[in-house]
PDB file of N, CA and C in Angstrom:
ATOM      1  N   MET A   1      25.083  13.409  20.244  1.00  0.00           N
ATOM      2  CA  MET A   1      24.093  12.862  20.300  1.00  0.00           C
ATOM      3  C   MET A   1      23.696  11.917  21.157  1.00  0.00           C
ATOM      4  N   SER A   2      22.892  11.130  21.722  1.00  0.00           N
ATOM      5  CA  SER A   2      22.732  10.094  22.655  1.00  0.00           C
ATOM      6  C   SER A   2      22.385   9.122  21.611  1.00  0.00           C
ATOM      7  N   SER A   3      22.307   7.871  22.172  1.00  0.00           N
ATOM      8  CA  SER A   3      21.861   6.775  21.470  1.00  0.00           C
ATOM      9  C   SER A   3      19.994   6.619  21.852  1.00  0.00           C
ATOM     10  N   THR A   4      19.607   7.230  22.716  1.00  0.00           N
ATOM     11  CA  THR A   4      17.934   7.289  22.865  1.00  0.00           C
ATOM     12  C   THR A   4      17.610   8.396  21.838  1.00  0.00           C
ATOM     13  N   ASN A   5      18.455   9.003  21.316  1.00  0.00           N
ATOM     14  CA  ASN A   5      17.486  10.132  20.343  1.00  0.00           C
ATOM     15  C   ASN A   5      17.359   9.677  18.982  1.00  0.00           C
ATOM     16  N   THR A   6      18.715   8.667  18.674  1.00  0.00           N
ATOM     17  CA  THR A   6      18.744   8.274  17.336  1.00  0.00           C
ATOM     18  C   THR A   6      17.205   7.604  16.774  1.00  0.00           C
ATOM     19  N   PRO A   7      16.647   6.853  17.584  1.00  0.00           N
ATOM     20  CA  PRO A   7      15.330   6.713  17.077  1.00  0.00           C
ATOM     21  C   PRO A   7      14.433   7.619  16.536  1.00  0.00           C
ATOM     22  N   PHE A   8      14.392   8.427  17.524  1.00  0.00           N
ATOM     23  CA  PHE A   8      13.584   9.794  17.530  1.00  0.00           C
ATOM     24  C   PHE A   8      13.963  10.316  15.820  1.00  0.00           C
ATOM     25  N   TRP A   9      15.496  10.674  15.630  1.00  0.00           N
ATOM     26  CA  TRP A   9      15.412  11.401  14.825  1.00  0.00           C
ATOM     27  C   TRP A   9      15.397  10.628  13.253  1.00  0.00           C
ATOM     28  N   ARG A  10      15.703   9.243  13.455  1.00  0.00           N
ATOM     29  CA  ARG A  10      15.575   8.150  12.122  1.00  0.00           C
ATOM     30  C   ARG A  10      13.852   8.301  12.101  1.00  0.00           C
ATOM     31  N   ALA A  11      12.968   8.383  12.832  1.00  0.00           N
ATOM     32  CA  ALA A  11      11.449   8.417  12.904  1.00  0.00           C
ATOM     33  C   ALA A  11      11.174   9.453  12.011  1.00  0.00           C
ATOM     34  N   VAL A  12      11.994  10.876  12.400  1.00  0.00           N
ATOM     35  CA  VAL A  12      11.776  11.894  11.919  1.00  0.00           C
ATOM     36  C   VAL A  12      11.901  12.538  10.324  1.00  0.00           C
ATOM     37  N   PHE A  13      12.913  11.635  10.054  1.00  0.00           N
ATOM     38  CA  PHE A  13      13.175  11.498   8.499  1.00  0.00           C
ATOM     39  C   PHE A  13      12.574  10.269   7.690  1.00  0.00           C
ATOM     40  N   SER A  14      11.860   9.763   8.125  1.00  0.00           N
ATOM     41  CA  SER A  14      11.468   8.678   7.303  1.00  0.00           C
ATOM     42  C   SER A  14      10.002   8.659   7.180  1.00  0.00           C
ATOM     43  N   GLU A  15       9.562   7.865   6.192  1.00  0.00           N
ATOM     44  CA  GLU A  15       8.084   7.661   6.235  1.00  0.00           C
ATOM     45  C   GLU A  15       7.611   6.575   7.563  1.00  0.00           C
ATOM     46  N   SER A  16       6.197   6.602   7.051  1.00  0.00           N
ATOM     47  CA  SER A  16       5.481   5.891   8.496  1.00  0.00           C
ATOM     48  C   SER A  16       6.170   4.134   8.582  1.00  0.00           C
ATOM     49  N   ASP A  17       6.503   3.908   7.499  1.00  0.00           N
ATOM     50  CA  ASP A  17       6.975   2.260   7.424  1.00  0.00           C
ATOM     51  C   ASP A  17       8.235   2.047   7.322  1.00  0.00           C
ATOM     52  N   GLY A  18       9.161   3.372   7.632  1.00  0.00           N
ATOM     53  CA  GLY A  18      10.550   3.010   8.047  1.00  0.00           C
ATOM     54  C   GLY A  18      11.652   3.576   6.812  1.00  0.00           C
ATOM     55  N   THR A  19      10.922   3.637   5.673  1.00  0.00           N
ATOM     56  CA  THR A  19      11.878   3.904   4.299  1.00  0.00           C
ATOM     57  C   THR A  19      12.348   5.310   4.838  1.00  0.00           C
ATOM     58  N   PRO A  20      13.707   5.597   4.447  1.00  0.00           N
ATOM     59  CA  PRO A  20      13.814   6.833   4.409  1.00  0.00           C
ATOM     60  C   PRO A  20      13.086   8.134   3.366  1.00  0.00           C
ATOM     61  N   SER A  21      12.580   9.285   3.563  1.00  0.00           N
ATOM     62  CA  SER A  21      11.926  10.196   2.987  1.00  0.00           C
ATOM     63  C   SER A  21      12.942  11.356   2.372  1.00  0.00           C
ATOM     64  N   PHE A  22      12.959  11.356   1.172  1.00  0.00           N
ATOM     65  CA  PHE A  22      13.832  12.435   0.588  1.00  0.00           C
ATOM     66  C   PHE A  22      13.519  13.966   0.705  1.00  0.00           C
ATOM     67  N   SER A  23      12.069  13.951   0.521  1.00  0.00           N
ATOM     68  CA  SER A  23      11.406  15.210   0.803  1.00  0.00           C
ATOM     69  C   SER A  23      11.605  15.849   2.138  1.00  0.00           C
ATOM     70  N   ARG A  24      11.509  15.132   3.617  1.00  0.00           N
ATOM     71  CA  ARG A  24      11.736  15.136   4.657  1.00  0.00           C
ATOM     72  C   ARG A  24      13.072  15.637   5.213  1.00  0.00           C
ATOM     73  N   VAL A  25      14.275  14.874   4.483  1.00  0.00           N
ATOM     74  CA  VAL A  25      15.515  15.405   4.339  1.00  0.00           C
ATOM     75  C   VAL A  25      15.721  16.756   3.831  1.00  0.00           C
ATOM     76  N   ALA A  26      15.485  16.701   2.752  1.00  0.00           N
ATOM     77  CA  ALA A  26      15.296  17.996   1.680  1.00  0.00           C
ATOM     78  C   ALA A  26      15.047  19.142   2.591  1.00  0.00           C
ATOM     79  N   THR A  27      13.817  19.053   3.191  1.00  0.00           N
ATOM     80  CA  THR A  27      12.967  19.892   3.951  1.00  0.00           C
ATOM     81  C   THR A  27      13.797  20.511   5.239  1.00  0.00           C
ATOM     82  N   GLY A  28      14.485  19.411   5.943  1.00  0.00           N
ATOM     83  CA  GLY A  28      15.256  19.738   6.995  1.00  0.00           C
ATOM     84  C   GLY A  28      16.675  20.872   6.764  1.00  0.00           C
ATOM     85  N   LEU A  29      16.968  20.019   5.571  1.00  0.00           N
ATOM     86  CA  LEU A  29      18.149  20.760   5.063  1.00  0.00           C
ATOM     87  C   LEU A  29      17.856  22.366   4.607  1.00  0.00           C
ATOM     88  N   ILE A  30      16.829  22.489   3.938  1.00  0.00           N
ATOM     89  CA  ILE A  30      16.131  23.623   3.271  1.00  0.00           C
ATOM     90  C   ILE A  30      16.225  24.667   4.824  1.00  0.00           C
ATOM     91  N   VAL A  31      15.346  23.910   5.401  1.00  0.00           N
ATOM     92  CA  VAL A  31      14.713  24.878   6.694  1.00  0.00           C
ATOM     93  C   VAL A  31      16.261  24.974   7.484  1.00  0.00           C
ATOM     94  N   ALA A  32      17.212  24.462   7.810  1.00  0.00           N
ATOM     95  CA  ALA A  32      18.343  24.628   8.312  1.00  0.00           C
ATOM     96  C   ALA A  32      18.991  25.835   7.909  1.00  0.00           C
ATOM     97  N   PHE A  33      18.970  25.614   6.084  1.00  0.00           N
ATOM     98  CA  PHE A  33      19.887  26.564   5.348  1.00  0.00           C
ATOM     99  C   PHE A  33      19.251  28.156   5.727  1.00  0.00           C
ATOM    100  N   ALA A  34      17.821  27.739   5.461  1.00  0.00           N
ATOM    101  CA  ALA A  34      17.100  29.291   5.535  1.00  0.00           C
ATOM    102  C   ALA A  34      17.159  29.917   6.919  1.00  0.00           C
ATOM    103  N   MET A  35      17.121  29.160   7.923  1.00  0.00           N
ATOM    104  CA  MET A  35      17.788  29.811   9.162  1.00  0.00           C
ATOM    105  C   MET A  35      18.558  30.825   9.423  1.00  0.00           C
ATOM    106  N   GLY A  36      20.231  30.069   8.632  1.00  0.00           N
ATOM    107  CA  GLY A  36      21.059  30.564   8.806  1.00  0.00           C
ATOM    108  C   GLY A  36      21.033  31.975   7.791  1.00  0.00           C
ATOM    109  N   TRP A  37      20.177  31.963   6.586  1.00  0.00           N
ATOM    110  CA  TRP A  37      20.354  33.045   5.800  1.00  0.00           C
ATOM    111  C   TRP A  37      19.574  34.181   6.131  1.00  0.00           C
ATOM    112  N   VAL A  38      18.215  33.976   6.719  1.00  0.00           N
ATOM    113  CA  VAL A  38      17.568  34.711   7.524  1.00  0.00           C
ATOM    114  C   VAL A  38      18.032  35.086   9.053  1.00  0.00           C
ATOM    115  N   THR A  39      18.961  34.489   9.499  1.00  0.00           N
ATOM    116  CA  THR A  39      19.924  35.264  10.552  1.00  0.00           C
ATOM    117  C   THR A  39      20.660  36.059   9.960  1.00  0.00           C
ATOM    118  N   ALA A  40      21.332  35.938   9.345  1.00  0.00           N
ATOM    119  CA  ALA A  40      22.277  36.874   8.148  1.00  0.00           C
ATOM    120  C   ALA A  40      21.679  37.860   7.992  1.00  0.00           C
ATOM    121  N   LEU A  41      20.491  37.524   7.316  1.00  0.00           N
ATOM    122  CA  LEU A  41      19.612  38.887   6.756  1.00  0.00           C
ATOM    123  C   LEU A  41      19.292  40.116   7.441  1.00  0.00           C
ATOM    124  N   VAL A  42      18.991  39.185   8.818  1.00  0.00           N
ATOM    125  CA  VAL A  42      18.591  40.229  10.005  1.00  0.00           C
ATOM    126  C   VAL A  42      19.862  40.852  10.547  1.00  0.00           C
ATOM    127  N   ARG A  43      20.956  40.158  10.560  1.00  0.00           N
ATOM    128  CA  ARG A  43      22.008  41.094  11.360  1.00  0.00           C
ATOM    129  C   ARG A  43      22.285  41.846  10.591  1.00  0.00           C
ATOM    130  N   MET A  44      22.438  41.973   8.872  1.00  0.00           N
ATOM    131  CA  MET A  44      23.078  42.858   8.146  1.00  0.00           C
ATOM    132  C   MET A  44      21.600  44.137   7.723  1.00  0.00           C
ATOM    133  N   ASN A  45      20.465  43.584   7.909  1.00  0.00           N
ATOM    134  CA  ASN A  45      19.389  44.771   7.507  1.00  0.00           C
ATOM    135  C   ASN A  45      18.663  45.280   8.605  1.00  0.00           C
ATOM    136  N   HIS A  46      18.692  44.577   9.562  1.00  0.00           N
ATOM    137  CA  HIS A  46      18.225  44.766  11.088  1.00  0.00           C
ATOM    138  C   HIS A  46      16.416  44.745  10.949  1.00  0.00           C
ATOM    139  N   GLN A  47      15.914  44.112  10.126  1.00  0.00           N
ATOM    140  CA  GLN A  47      14.850  43.848   9.530  1.00  0.00           C
ATOM    141  C   GLN A  47      14.395  42.492   9.217  1.00  0.00           C
ATOM    142  N   LEU A  48      13.302  41.953   9.571  1.00  0.00           N
ATOM    143  CA  LEU A  48      12.703  40.730   9.147  1.00  0.00           C
ATOM    144  C   LEU A  48      12.542  40.496   7.450  1.00  0.00           C
ATOM    145  N   PRO A  49      12.987  39.502   6.676  1.00  0.00           N
ATOM    146  CA  PRO A  49      12.909  39.468   5.165  1.00  0.00           C
ATOM    147  C   PRO A  49      11.488  38.879   5.090  1.00  0.00           C
ATOM    148  N   ASP A  50      10.823  38.904   3.608  1.00  0.00           N
ATOM    149  CA  ASP A  50       9.572  38.324   3.122  1.00  0.00           C
ATOM    150  C   ASP A  50       9.938  36.821   3.492  1.00  0.00           C
ATOM    151  N   PHE A  51       9.165  36.238   3.858  1.00  0.00           N
ATOM    152  CA  PHE A  51       9.177  34.702   4.024  1.00  0.00           C
ATOM    153  C   PHE A  51       8.148  33.773   2.912  1.00  0.00           C
ATOM    154  N   GLY A  52       7.318  34.464   1.936  1.00  0.00           N
ATOM    155  CA  GLY A  52       6.705  33.960   1.083  1.00  0.00           C
ATOM    156  C   GLY A  52       7.385  32.923   0.193  1.00  0.00           C
ATOM    157  N   GLY A  53       8.732  33.380  -0.219  1.00  0.00           N
ATOM    158  CA  GLY A  53       9.323  32.292  -0.986  1.00  0.00           C
ATOM    159  C   GLY A  53       9.330  31.131  -0.276  1.00  0.00           C
ATOM    160  N   LEU A  54      10.332  31.277   1.031  1.00  0.00           N
ATOM    161  CA  LEU A  54      10.413  30.060   1.713  1.00  0.00           C
ATOM    162  C   LEU A  54       9.415  29.453   1.936  1.00  0.00           C
ATOM    163  N   VAL A  55       8.523  29.624   2.047  1.00  0.00           N
ATOM    164  CA  VAL A  55       7.223  29.002   2.579  1.00  0.00           C
ATOM    165  C   VAL A  55       6.490  28.261   1.693  1.00  0.00           C
ATOM    166  N   LEU A  56       6.676  28.844   0.197  1.00  0.00           N
ATOM    167  CA  LEU A  56       6.157  28.180  -0.946  1.00  0.00           C
ATOM    168  C   LEU A  56       7.099  27.071  -1.408  1.00  0.00           C
ATOM    169  N   LEU A  57       8.710  26.813  -1.057  1.00  0.00           N
ATOM    170  CA  LEU A  57       9.743  26.323  -1.460  1.00  0.00           C
ATOM    171  C   LEU A  57       9.503  25.153  -0.524  1.00  0.00           C
ATOM    172  N   ILE A  58       9.144  25.281   0.862  1.00  0.00           N
ATOM    173  CA  ILE A  58       9.001  24.143   1.556  1.00  0.00           C
ATOM    174  C   ILE A  58       7.501  23.491   1.215  1.00  0.00           C
ATOM    175  N   GLY A  59       6.772  24.282   1.114  1.00  0.00           N
ATOM    176  CA  GLY A  59       5.197  24.046   0.425  1.00  0.00           C
ATOM    177  C   GLY A  59       5.517  22.898  -0.507  1.00  0.00           C
ATOM    178  N   ALA A  60       6.453  23.201  -1.622  1.00  0.00           N
ATOM    179  CA  ALA A  60       6.583  22.442  -2.772  1.00  0.00           C
ATOM    180  C   ALA A  60       6.759  21.364  -2.251  1.00  0.00           C
ATOM    181  N   LEU A  61       8.109  21.392  -1.512  1.00  0.00           N
ATOM    182  CA  LEU A  61       8.481  19.706  -1.103  1.00  0.00           C
ATOM    183  C   LEU A  61       7.501  18.886  -0.569  1.00  0.00           C
ATOM    184  N   TYR A  62       6.710  19.441   0.422  1.00  0.00           N
ATOM    185  CA  TYR A  62       5.940  18.846   1.145  1.00  0.00           C
ATOM    186  C   TYR A  62       4.540  18.206   0.124  1.00  0.00           C
ATOM    187  N   GLY A  63       4.421  18.850  -1.361  1.00  0.00           N
ATOM    188  CA  GLY A  63       3.391  18.624  -1.982  1.00  0.00           C
ATOM    189  C   GLY A  63       3.870  17.567  -2.854  1.00  0.00           C
ATOM    190  N   VAL A  64       5.229  17.724  -3.168  1.00  0.00           N
ATOM    191  CA  VAL A  64       5.923  16.706  -4.084  1.00  0.00           C
ATOM    192  C   VAL A  64       5.850  15.560  -3.378  1.00  0.00           C
ATOM    193  N   ASN A  65       6.336  15.241  -2.281  1.00  0.00           N
ATOM    194  CA  ASN A  65       6.156  13.881  -0.758  1.00  0.00           C
ATOM    195  C   ASN A  65       4.717  13.310  -1.133  1.00  0.00           C
ATOM    196  N   LYS A  66       3.597  14.256  -1.028  1.00  0.00           N
ATOM    197  CA  LYS A  66       2.148  13.688  -0.806  1.00  0.00           C
ATOM    198  C   LYS A  66       1.959  13.504  -2.319  1.00  0.00           C
ATOM    199  N   PHE A  67       2.294  13.977  -3.231  1.00  0.00           N
ATOM    200  CA  PHE A  67       1.701  13.592  -4.700  1.00  0.00           C
ATOM    201  C   PHE A  67       2.481  12.522  -4.915  1.00  0.00           C
ATOM    202  N   SER A  68       3.660  11.820  -4.684  1.00  0.00           N
ATOM    203  CA  SER A  68       4.479  10.869  -5.156  1.00  0.00           C
ATOM    204  C   SER A  68       3.885   9.845  -4.183  1.00  0.00           C
ATOM    205  N   GLY A  69       3.558  10.060  -3.133  1.00  0.00           N
ATOM    206  CA  GLY A  69       2.745   8.966  -2.386  1.00  0.00           C
ATOM    207  C   GLY A  69       1.536   8.516  -2.762  1.00  0.00           C
ATOM    208  N   ALA A  70       0.704   9.361  -2.882  1.00  0.00           N
ATOM    209  CA  ALA A  70      -0.532   9.015  -4.037  1.00  0.00           C
ATOM    210  C   ALA A  70      -0.312   8.340  -5.475  1.00  0.00           C
ATOM    211  N   ILE A  71       0.334   8.738  -5.698  1.00  0.00           N
ATOM    212  CA  ILE A  71       0.496   8.023  -7.457  1.00  0.00           C
ATOM    213  C   ILE A  71       1.431   6.912  -7.263  1.00  0.00           C
ATOM    214  N   GLY A  72       2.688   6.627  -6.081  1.00  0.00           N
ATOM    215  CA  GLY A  72       3.439   5.576  -5.977  1.00  0.00           C
ATOM    216  C   GLY A  72       2.688   4.436  -5.187  1.00  0.00           C
ATOM    217  N   THR A  73       1.324   4.232  -4.813  1.00  0.00           N
ATOM    218  CA  THR A  73       0.833   3.413  -4.122  1.00  0.00           C
ATOM    219  C   THR A  73       0.192   2.190  -5.450  1.00  0.00           C
ATOM    220  N   ARG A  74       0.494   1.089  -4.869  1.00  0.00           N
ATOM    221  CA  ARG A  74      -0.025   0.105  -5.767  1.00  0.00           C
ATOM    222  C   ARG A  74      -1.680   0.129  -5.845  1.00  0.00           C
ATOM    223  N   PRO A  75      -2.231  -0.081  -7.337  1.00  0.00           N
ATOM    224  CA  PRO A  75      -3.863  -0.300  -6.857  1.00  0.00           C
ATOM    225  C   PRO A  75      -4.388  -1.459  -6.307  1.00  0.00           C
ATOM    226  N   GLU A  76      -3.592  -2.471  -6.345  1.00  0.00           N
ATOM    227  CA  GLU A  76      -4.119  -3.768  -5.269  1.00  0.00           C
ATOM    228  C   GLU A  76      -3.974  -3.611  -3.834  1.00  0.00           C
ATOM    229  N   ALA A  77      -3.249  -2.814  -3.800  1.00  0.00           N
ATOM    230  CA  ALA A  77      -2.950  -2.461  -1.940  1.00  0.00           C
ATOM    231  C   ALA A  77      -4.085  -1.551  -1.463  1.00  0.00           C
ATOM    232  N   SER A  78      -4.659  -0.636  -2.643  1.00  0.00           N
ATOM    233  CA  SER A  78      -5.305   0.350  -2.191  1.00  0.00           C
ATOM    234  C   SER A  78      -7.194  -0.131  -2.440  1.00  0.00           C
ATOM    235  N   GLY A  79      -7.136  -1.513  -2.844  1.00  0.00           N
ATOM    236  CA  GLY A  79      -8.702  -2.109  -3.157  1.00  0.00           C
ATOM    237  C   GLY A  79      -9.205  -1.936  -4.485  1.00  0.00           C
ATOM    238  N   PHE A  80      -8.550  -0.555  -5.203  1.00  0.00           N
ATOM    239  CA  PHE A  80      -8.946  -0.592  -6.444  1.00  0.00           C
ATOM    240  C   PHE A  80      -8.627  -1.772  -7.543  1.00  0.00           C
ATOM    241  N   GLY A  81      -9.398  -1.970  -8.213  1.00  0.00           N
ATOM    242  CA  GLY A  81      -9.514  -2.823  -9.114  1.00  0.00           C
ATOM    243  C   GLY A  81      -9.784  -4.066  -9.180  1.00  0.00           C
ATOM    244  N   THR A  82     -10.279  -4.631  -7.473  1.00  0.00           N
ATOM    245  CA  THR A  82     -10.589  -5.275  -7.167  1.00  0.00           C
ATOM    246  C   THR A  82     -11.907  -5.763  -6.808  1.00  0.00           C
ATOM    247  N   ARG A  83     -12.772  -6.620  -6.512  1.00  0.00           N
ATOM    248  CA  ARG A  83     -14.252  -6.568  -6.592  1.00  0.00           C
ATOM    249  C   ARG A  83     -14.405  -6.035  -5.698  1.00  0.00           C
ATOM    250  N   GLY A  84     -14.032  -6.169  -4.401  1.00  0.00           N
ATOM    251  CA  GLY A  84     -14.836  -5.307  -3.109  1.00  0.00           C
ATOM    252  C   GLY A  84     -14.404  -3.937  -3.341  1.00  0.00           C
ATOM    253  N   GLY A  85     -13.554  -3.190  -3.970  1.00  0.00           N
ATOM    254  CA  GLY A  85     -12.968  -1.934  -3.796  1.00  0.00           C
ATOM    255  C   GLY A  85     -13.418  -1.493  -5.277  1.00  0.00           C
ATOM    256  N   ASP A  86     -14.027  -1.851  -6.127  1.00  0.00           N
ATOM    257  CA  ASP A  86     -14.060  -0.868  -7.310  1.00  0.00           C
ATOM    258  C   ASP A  86     -15.367  -0.081  -6.819  1.00  0.00           C
ATOM    259  N   ARG A  87     -15.156   1.393  -7.317  1.00  0.00           N
ATOM    260  CA  ARG A  87     -15.615   2.302  -6.606  1.00  0.00           C
ATOM    261  C   ARG A  87     -16.160   3.166  -8.002  1.00  0.00           C
ATOM    262  N   SER A  88     -15.977   2.483  -9.263  1.00  0.00           N
ATOM    263  CA  SER A  88     -16.547   3.023 -10.420  1.00  0.00           C
ATOM    264  C   SER A  88     -17.632   3.224 -10.557  1.00  0.00           C
ATOM    265  N   ASP A  89     -18.551   2.311  -9.945  1.00  0.00           N
ATOM    266  CA  ASP A  89     -20.119   2.486  -9.761  1.00  0.00           C
ATOM    267  C   ASP A  89     -21.024   2.735  -8.502  1.00  0.00           C
ATOM    268  N   ASP A  90     -21.207   4.282  -7.996  1.00  0.00           N
ATOM    269  CA  ASP A  90     -21.506   4.228  -6.581  1.00  0.00           C
ATOM    270  C   ASP A  90     -23.122   4.270  -6.553  1.00  0.00           C
ATOM    271  N   ARG A  91     -23.873   4.113  -7.479  1.00  0.00           N
ATOM    272  CA  ARG A  91     -25.358   4.220  -7.541  1.00  0.00           C
ATOM    273  C   ARG A  91     -25.316   3.036  -6.206  1.00  0.00           C
ATOM    274  N   PRO A  92     -26.696   3.853  -5.637  1.00  0.00           N
ATOM    275  CA  PRO A  92     -26.981   3.265  -4.515  1.00  0.00           C
ATOM    276  C   PRO A  92     -27.999   1.997  -4.949  1.00  0.00           C
ATOM    277  N   ARG A  93     -27.585   0.895  -4.075  1.00  0.00           N
ATOM    278  CA  ARG A  93     -28.171  -0.503  -4.546  1.00  0.00           C
ATOM    279  C   ARG A  93     -29.435  -0.683  -3.365  1.00  0.00           C
ATOM    280  N   GLY A  94     -30.692  -1.062  -4.319  1.00  0.00           N
ATOM    281  CA  GLY A  94     -31.707  -1.078  -3.145  1.00  0.00           C
ATOM    282  C   GLY A  94     -32.364  -2.367  -3.170  1.00  0.00           C
TER     283      GLY A  94
END
């Protein structure tokens, strides 16, 4: 792999702020394993298997990543709890 591709792959498996993402790395590993597994099944059975379970597994990893990202944010960073960002009272002001 050339050195020009390294920043690309680092960005693929990292969050937008540059921290490594477990769910992206795990998803990449599971997709690579699934590709080999499906290839072996197709060679053996000469037909495509059902992909429902694989889609659910990869979708679950994506969901865990999004859920942990939503929970992991600090309230101060998102504006909640501060005077300007408190949305507990959304009544229109006249």
